[in-house]
């Protein structure tokens, strides 16, 4: 049961949830597969975090250099689970706000 839920969490890149389940399972069960999965989940979580940090740094650089549209596009292409991170959400909102400021509003009247 635990292993099935862990594997599902790993497939969804929900590493924190997988680690939480595994740590609980490790305390309750003496199963070597749980220890192996926990080591794997921790390693994948580090890689995932590094990937998110790199993407955020790149988007921040694009934003600072006036390329808000590219920053928004980059962030929108990120795994959906990245959006669960508050700092990621704030950066995305900042990029969207800057894009709106940089994009001129369309004229409201009719063309002659």
N, C-alpha and C. Protein backbone atom coordinates (compact mmCIF):
# COMPACT_ATOMS: atom_id res chain seq x y z
N UNK A 1 0.83 -1.19 0.00
CA UNK A 1 0.00 0.00 0.00
C UNK A 1 0.88 1.25 0.00
N UNK A 2 1.79 1.35 0.95
CA UNK A 2 2.66 2.53 1.04
C UNK A 2 3.50 2.66 -0.22
N UNK A 3 4.06 1.56 -0.68
CA UNK A 3 4.94 1.60 -1.84
C UNK A 3 4.19 2.06 -3.08
N UNK A 4 2.97 1.63 -3.25
CA UNK A 4 2.15 2.08 -4.38
C UNK A 4 1.90 3.58 -4.33
N UNK A 5 1.59 4.09 -3.15
CA UNK A 5 1.35 5.53 -3.00
C UNK A 5 2.64 6.32 -3.22
N UNK A 6 3.75 5.76 -2.76
CA UNK A 6 5.04 6.42 -2.95
C UNK A 6 5.39 6.49 -4.43
N UNK A 7 5.22 5.39 -5.13
CA UNK A 7 5.55 5.38 -6.56
C UNK A 7 4.67 6.36 -7.33
N UNK A 8 3.40 6.45 -6.95
CA UNK A 8 2.51 7.43 -7.59
C UNK A 8 3.00 8.86 -7.31
N UNK A 9 3.39 9.13 -6.08
CA UNK A 9 3.90 10.46 -5.73
C UNK A 9 5.17 10.78 -6.52
N UNK A 10 6.05 9.79 -6.65
CA UNK A 10 7.28 10.01 -7.41
C UNK A 10 6.99 10.30 -8.88
N UNK A 11 6.03 9.60 -9.45
CA UNK A 11 5.66 9.85 -10.85
C UNK A 11 5.13 11.26 -11.04
N UNK A 12 4.45 11.77 -10.02
CA UNK A 12 3.90 13.12 -10.08
C UNK A 12 4.91 14.18 -9.64
N UNK A 13 6.13 13.76 -9.35
CA UNK A 13 7.20 14.62 -8.87
C UNK A 13 6.82 15.30 -7.55
N UNK A 14 6.05 14.58 -6.75
CA UNK A 14 5.66 15.03 -5.41
C UNK A 14 6.65 14.42 -4.41
N UNK A 15 7.89 14.90 -4.46
CA UNK A 15 8.96 14.28 -3.69
C UNK A 15 8.78 14.44 -2.18
N UNK A 16 8.30 15.59 -1.75
CA UNK A 16 8.09 15.78 -0.32
C UNK A 16 7.08 14.78 0.23
N UNK A 17 6.01 14.57 -0.53
CA UNK A 17 4.99 13.60 -0.11
C UNK A 17 5.57 12.18 -0.09
N UNK A 18 6.33 11.84 -1.10
CA UNK A 18 6.94 10.50 -1.16
C UNK A 18 7.88 10.29 0.03
N UNK A 19 8.67 11.28 0.34
CA UNK A 19 9.62 11.18 1.45
C UNK A 19 8.86 11.06 2.77
N UNK A 20 7.81 11.85 2.93
CA UNK A 20 7.01 11.78 4.16
C UNK A 20 6.42 10.38 4.33
N UNK A 21 5.86 9.82 3.27
CA UNK A 21 5.29 8.47 3.33
C UNK A 21 6.36 7.43 3.66
N UNK A 22 7.50 7.56 3.02
CA UNK A 22 8.58 6.59 3.22
C UNK A 22 9.15 6.66 4.63
N UNK A 23 9.30 7.86 5.14
CA UNK A 23 9.83 7.98 6.50
C UNK A 23 8.87 7.37 7.51
N UNK A 24 7.57 7.58 7.29
CA UNK A 24 6.57 6.94 8.16
C UNK A 24 6.59 5.44 8.02
N UNK A 25 6.70 4.97 6.79
CA UNK A 25 6.74 3.53 6.54
C UNK A 25 8.00 2.89 7.08
N UNK A 26 9.09 3.61 7.04
CA UNK A 26 10.35 3.08 7.54
C UNK A 26 10.28 2.86 9.05
N UNK A 27 9.57 3.75 9.74
CA UNK A 27 9.41 3.59 11.19
C UNK A 27 8.51 2.39 11.52
N UNK A 28 7.51 2.15 10.67
CA UNK A 28 6.53 1.10 10.94
C UNK A 28 6.96 -0.28 10.43
N UNK A 29 7.66 -0.30 9.32
CA UNK A 29 8.02 -1.57 8.67
C UNK A 29 9.53 -1.68 8.50
N UNK A 30 10.02 -2.87 8.60
CA UNK A 30 11.44 -3.11 8.34
C UNK A 30 11.56 -3.71 6.94
N UNK A 31 11.36 -2.85 5.94
CA UNK A 31 11.36 -3.31 4.56
C UNK A 31 12.51 -2.64 3.82
N UNK A 32 13.44 -3.43 3.27
CA UNK A 32 14.60 -2.83 2.57
C UNK A 32 14.19 -2.01 1.34
N UNK A 33 13.05 -2.36 0.74
CA UNK A 33 12.60 -1.60 -0.43
C UNK A 33 12.25 -0.16 -0.03
N UNK A 34 11.72 0.01 1.17
CA UNK A 34 11.40 1.35 1.64
C UNK A 34 12.66 2.18 1.80
N UNK A 35 13.71 1.59 2.35
CA UNK A 35 14.98 2.32 2.51
C UNK A 35 15.55 2.70 1.15
N UNK A 36 15.47 1.80 0.19
CA UNK A 36 15.97 2.10 -1.15
C UNK A 36 15.16 3.21 -1.81
N UNK A 37 13.84 3.12 -1.69
CA UNK A 37 12.99 4.15 -2.27
C UNK A 37 13.22 5.50 -1.61
N UNK A 38 13.45 5.49 -0.30
CA UNK A 38 13.69 6.74 0.41
C UNK A 38 14.98 7.39 -0.09
N UNK A 39 16.01 6.62 -0.26
CA UNK A 39 17.27 7.17 -0.79
C UNK A 39 17.07 7.72 -2.19
N UNK A 40 16.33 6.99 -3.01
CA UNK A 40 16.04 7.45 -4.37
C UNK A 40 15.23 8.74 -4.35
N UNK A 41 14.19 8.78 -3.52
CA UNK A 41 13.33 9.96 -3.44
C UNK A 41 14.11 11.18 -2.98
N UNK A 42 14.98 11.01 -2.01
CA UNK A 42 15.79 12.13 -1.52
C UNK A 42 16.73 12.65 -2.61
N UNK A 43 17.33 11.74 -3.35
CA UNK A 43 18.21 12.14 -4.44
C UNK A 43 17.46 12.86 -5.54
N UNK A 44 16.31 12.33 -5.91
CA UNK A 44 15.50 12.97 -6.95
C UNK A 44 14.98 14.32 -6.48
N UNK A 45 14.66 14.44 -5.20
CA UNK A 45 14.18 15.71 -4.65
C UNK A 45 15.27 16.78 -4.77
N UNK A 46 16.52 16.40 -4.53
CA UNK A 46 17.62 17.37 -4.65
C UNK A 46 17.79 17.82 -6.10
N UNK A 47 17.73 16.88 -7.02
CA UNK A 47 17.86 17.21 -8.44
C UNK A 47 16.70 18.12 -8.87
N UNK A 48 15.51 17.78 -8.42
CA UNK A 48 14.31 18.54 -8.73
C UNK A 48 14.42 19.97 -8.19
N UNK A 49 14.87 20.11 -6.96
CA UNK A 49 15.02 21.43 -6.36
C UNK A 49 16.06 22.24 -7.12
N UNK A 50 17.15 21.62 -7.49
CA UNK A 50 18.20 22.30 -8.26
C UNK A 50 17.64 22.77 -9.60
N UNK A 51 16.85 21.93 -10.25
CA UNK A 51 16.24 22.28 -11.53
C UNK A 51 15.31 23.49 -11.37
N UNK A 52 14.51 23.49 -10.30
CA UNK A 52 13.59 24.59 -10.04
C UNK A 52 14.37 25.88 -9.78
N UNK A 53 15.43 25.79 -8.98
CA UNK A 53 16.23 26.98 -8.67
C UNK A 53 16.89 27.55 -9.92
N UNK A 54 17.40 26.68 -10.79
CA UNK A 54 18.02 27.14 -12.03
C UNK A 54 17.00 27.82 -12.93
N UNK A 55 15.81 27.25 -13.02
CA UNK A 55 14.77 27.82 -13.85
C UNK A 55 14.35 29.18 -13.31
N UNK A 56 14.22 29.29 -12.00
CA UNK A 56 13.85 30.56 -11.38
C UNK A 56 14.94 31.61 -11.59
N UNK A 57 16.18 31.21 -11.49
CA UNK A 57 17.29 32.15 -11.71
C UNK A 57 17.28 32.66 -13.15
N UNK A 58 17.04 31.75 -14.09
CA UNK A 58 16.99 32.14 -15.50
C UNK A 58 15.82 33.09 -15.76
N UNK A 59 14.65 32.78 -15.20
CA UNK A 59 13.48 33.65 -15.38
C UNK A 59 13.72 35.01 -14.73
N UNK A 60 14.34 35.02 -13.56
CA UNK A 60 14.66 36.28 -12.90
C UNK A 60 15.61 37.13 -13.72
N UNK A 61 16.58 36.50 -14.33
CA UNK A 61 17.52 37.22 -15.19
C UNK A 61 16.80 37.79 -16.42
N UNK A 62 15.92 37.00 -17.01
CA UNK A 62 15.13 37.49 -18.15
C UNK A 62 14.29 38.69 -17.74
N UNK A 63 13.69 38.62 -16.57
CA UNK A 63 12.86 39.72 -16.07
C UNK A 63 13.71 40.98 -15.88
N UNK A 64 14.88 40.81 -15.28
CA UNK A 64 15.77 41.96 -15.02
C UNK A 64 16.27 42.61 -16.32
N UNK A 65 16.39 41.83 -17.37
CA UNK A 65 16.90 42.38 -18.63
C UNK A 65 15.77 42.83 -19.56
N UNK A 66 14.56 42.88 -19.04
CA UNK A 66 13.43 43.41 -19.83
C UNK A 66 12.76 42.40 -20.73
N UNK A 67 12.98 41.13 -20.49
CA UNK A 67 12.36 40.09 -21.32
C UNK A 67 11.27 39.36 -20.54
N UNK A 68 10.29 40.13 -20.08
CA UNK A 68 9.22 39.56 -19.25
C UNK A 68 8.44 38.48 -20.01
N UNK A 69 8.22 38.68 -21.29
CA UNK A 69 7.46 37.69 -22.06
C UNK A 69 8.19 36.35 -22.10
N UNK A 70 9.50 36.40 -22.27
CA UNK A 70 10.27 35.16 -22.27
C UNK A 70 10.28 34.52 -20.89
N UNK A 71 10.34 35.34 -19.86
CA UNK A 71 10.32 34.82 -18.49
C UNK A 71 9.00 34.12 -18.20
N UNK A 72 7.89 34.75 -18.59
CA UNK A 72 6.57 34.14 -18.38
C UNK A 72 6.48 32.82 -19.15
N UNK A 73 6.94 32.83 -20.37
CA UNK A 73 6.90 31.62 -21.19
C UNK A 73 7.73 30.50 -20.56
N UNK A 74 8.90 30.84 -20.08
CA UNK A 74 9.77 29.86 -19.43
C UNK A 74 9.09 29.25 -18.21
N UNK A 75 8.51 30.11 -17.37
CA UNK A 75 7.86 29.63 -16.15
C UNK A 75 6.60 28.82 -16.46
N UNK A 76 5.86 29.23 -17.48
CA UNK A 76 4.65 28.49 -17.84
C UNK A 76 4.97 27.09 -18.37
N UNK A 77 6.17 26.90 -18.88
CA UNK A 77 6.59 25.59 -19.38
C UNK A 77 7.12 24.67 -18.28
N UNK A 78 7.19 25.19 -17.07
CA UNK A 78 7.72 24.41 -15.94
C UNK A 78 6.72 23.36 -15.49
N UNK A 79 7.20 22.31 -14.83
CA UNK A 79 6.27 21.31 -14.27
C UNK A 79 5.28 21.99 -13.32
N UNK A 80 4.04 21.58 -13.38
CA UNK A 80 2.99 22.19 -12.57
C UNK A 80 3.29 22.15 -11.08
N UNK A 81 4.01 21.15 -10.65
CA UNK A 81 4.33 21.03 -9.22
C UNK A 81 5.23 22.18 -8.76
N UNK A 82 5.97 22.82 -9.66
CA UNK A 82 6.78 23.97 -9.29
C UNK A 82 5.91 25.09 -8.72
N UNK A 83 4.67 25.18 -9.22
CA UNK A 83 3.78 26.26 -8.81
C UNK A 83 3.31 26.11 -7.36
N UNK A 84 3.59 24.99 -6.73
CA UNK A 84 3.25 24.81 -5.32
C UNK A 84 4.21 25.57 -4.42
N UNK A 85 5.35 25.93 -4.95
CA UNK A 85 6.38 26.67 -4.20
C UNK A 85 6.02 28.16 -4.21
N UNK A 86 5.92 28.74 -3.02
CA UNK A 86 5.50 30.13 -2.90
C UNK A 86 6.44 31.09 -3.64
N UNK A 87 7.74 30.86 -3.54
CA UNK A 87 8.70 31.73 -4.22
C UNK A 87 8.53 31.65 -5.74
N UNK A 88 8.21 30.48 -6.25
CA UNK A 88 7.97 30.31 -7.68
C UNK A 88 6.74 31.10 -8.10
N UNK A 89 5.69 31.01 -7.30
CA UNK A 89 4.45 31.74 -7.59
C UNK A 89 4.69 33.25 -7.61
N UNK A 90 5.45 33.74 -6.62
CA UNK A 90 5.73 35.17 -6.56
C UNK A 90 6.51 35.64 -7.79
N UNK A 91 7.50 34.85 -8.20
CA UNK A 91 8.28 35.21 -9.38
C UNK A 91 7.39 35.22 -10.62
N UNK A 92 6.54 34.22 -10.74
CA UNK A 92 5.63 34.14 -11.88
C UNK A 92 4.70 35.36 -11.90
N UNK A 93 4.16 35.73 -10.76
CA UNK A 93 3.28 36.90 -10.69
C UNK A 93 4.03 38.18 -11.05
N UNK A 94 5.26 38.30 -10.58
CA UNK A 94 6.07 39.48 -10.91
C UNK A 94 6.31 39.56 -12.42
N UNK A 95 6.61 38.44 -13.02
CA UNK A 95 6.84 38.41 -14.46
C UNK A 95 5.58 38.79 -15.22
N UNK A 96 4.44 38.27 -14.77
CA UNK A 96 3.17 38.60 -15.43
C UNK A 96 2.85 40.09 -15.29
N UNK A 97 3.07 40.64 -14.10
CA UNK A 97 2.80 42.06 -13.88
C UNK A 97 3.69 42.93 -14.76
N UNK A 98 4.97 42.56 -14.85
CA UNK A 98 5.89 43.32 -15.69
C UNK A 98 5.51 43.21 -17.16
N UNK A 99 5.06 42.05 -17.57
CA UNK A 99 4.61 41.87 -18.95
C UNK A 99 3.41 42.75 -19.25
N UNK A 100 2.47 42.83 -18.31
CA UNK A 100 1.30 43.70 -18.51
C UNK A 100 1.71 45.16 -18.60
N UNK A 101 2.67 45.56 -17.77
CA UNK A 101 3.15 46.96 -17.81
C UNK A 101 3.86 47.25 -19.13
N UNK A 102 4.57 46.29 -19.64
CA UNK A 102 5.36 46.50 -20.86
C UNK A 102 4.53 46.38 -22.13
N UNK A 103 3.36 45.77 -22.02
CA UNK A 103 2.52 45.57 -23.20
C UNK A 103 1.53 46.73 -23.29
N UNK A 104 1.59 47.50 -24.39
CA UNK A 104 0.67 48.63 -24.51
C UNK A 104 -0.78 48.13 -24.66
N UNK A 105 -1.69 48.88 -24.08
CA UNK A 105 -3.11 48.51 -24.17
C UNK A 105 -3.59 48.78 -25.58
N UNK A 106 -4.49 47.96 -26.05
CA UNK A 106 -5.06 48.15 -27.39
C UNK A 106 -5.98 49.37 -27.38
N UNK A 107 -6.05 50.10 -28.48
CA UNK A 107 -6.94 51.26 -28.55
C UNK A 107 -8.39 50.81 -28.37
N UNK A 108 -9.18 51.66 -27.71
CA UNK A 108 -10.56 51.27 -27.40
C UNK A 108 -11.54 51.71 -28.48
N UNK A 109 -11.22 52.73 -29.21
CA UNK A 109 -12.16 53.24 -30.22
C UNK A 109 -12.11 52.42 -31.51
N UNK A 110 -13.02 52.73 -32.40
CA UNK A 110 -13.04 52.06 -33.71
C UNK A 110 -12.03 52.68 -34.64
N UNK A 111 -11.50 51.88 -35.51
CA UNK A 111 -10.57 52.41 -36.51
C UNK A 111 -11.38 53.14 -37.56
N UNK A 112 -10.86 54.26 -38.10
CA UNK A 112 -11.63 55.00 -39.11
C UNK A 112 -11.77 54.26 -40.40
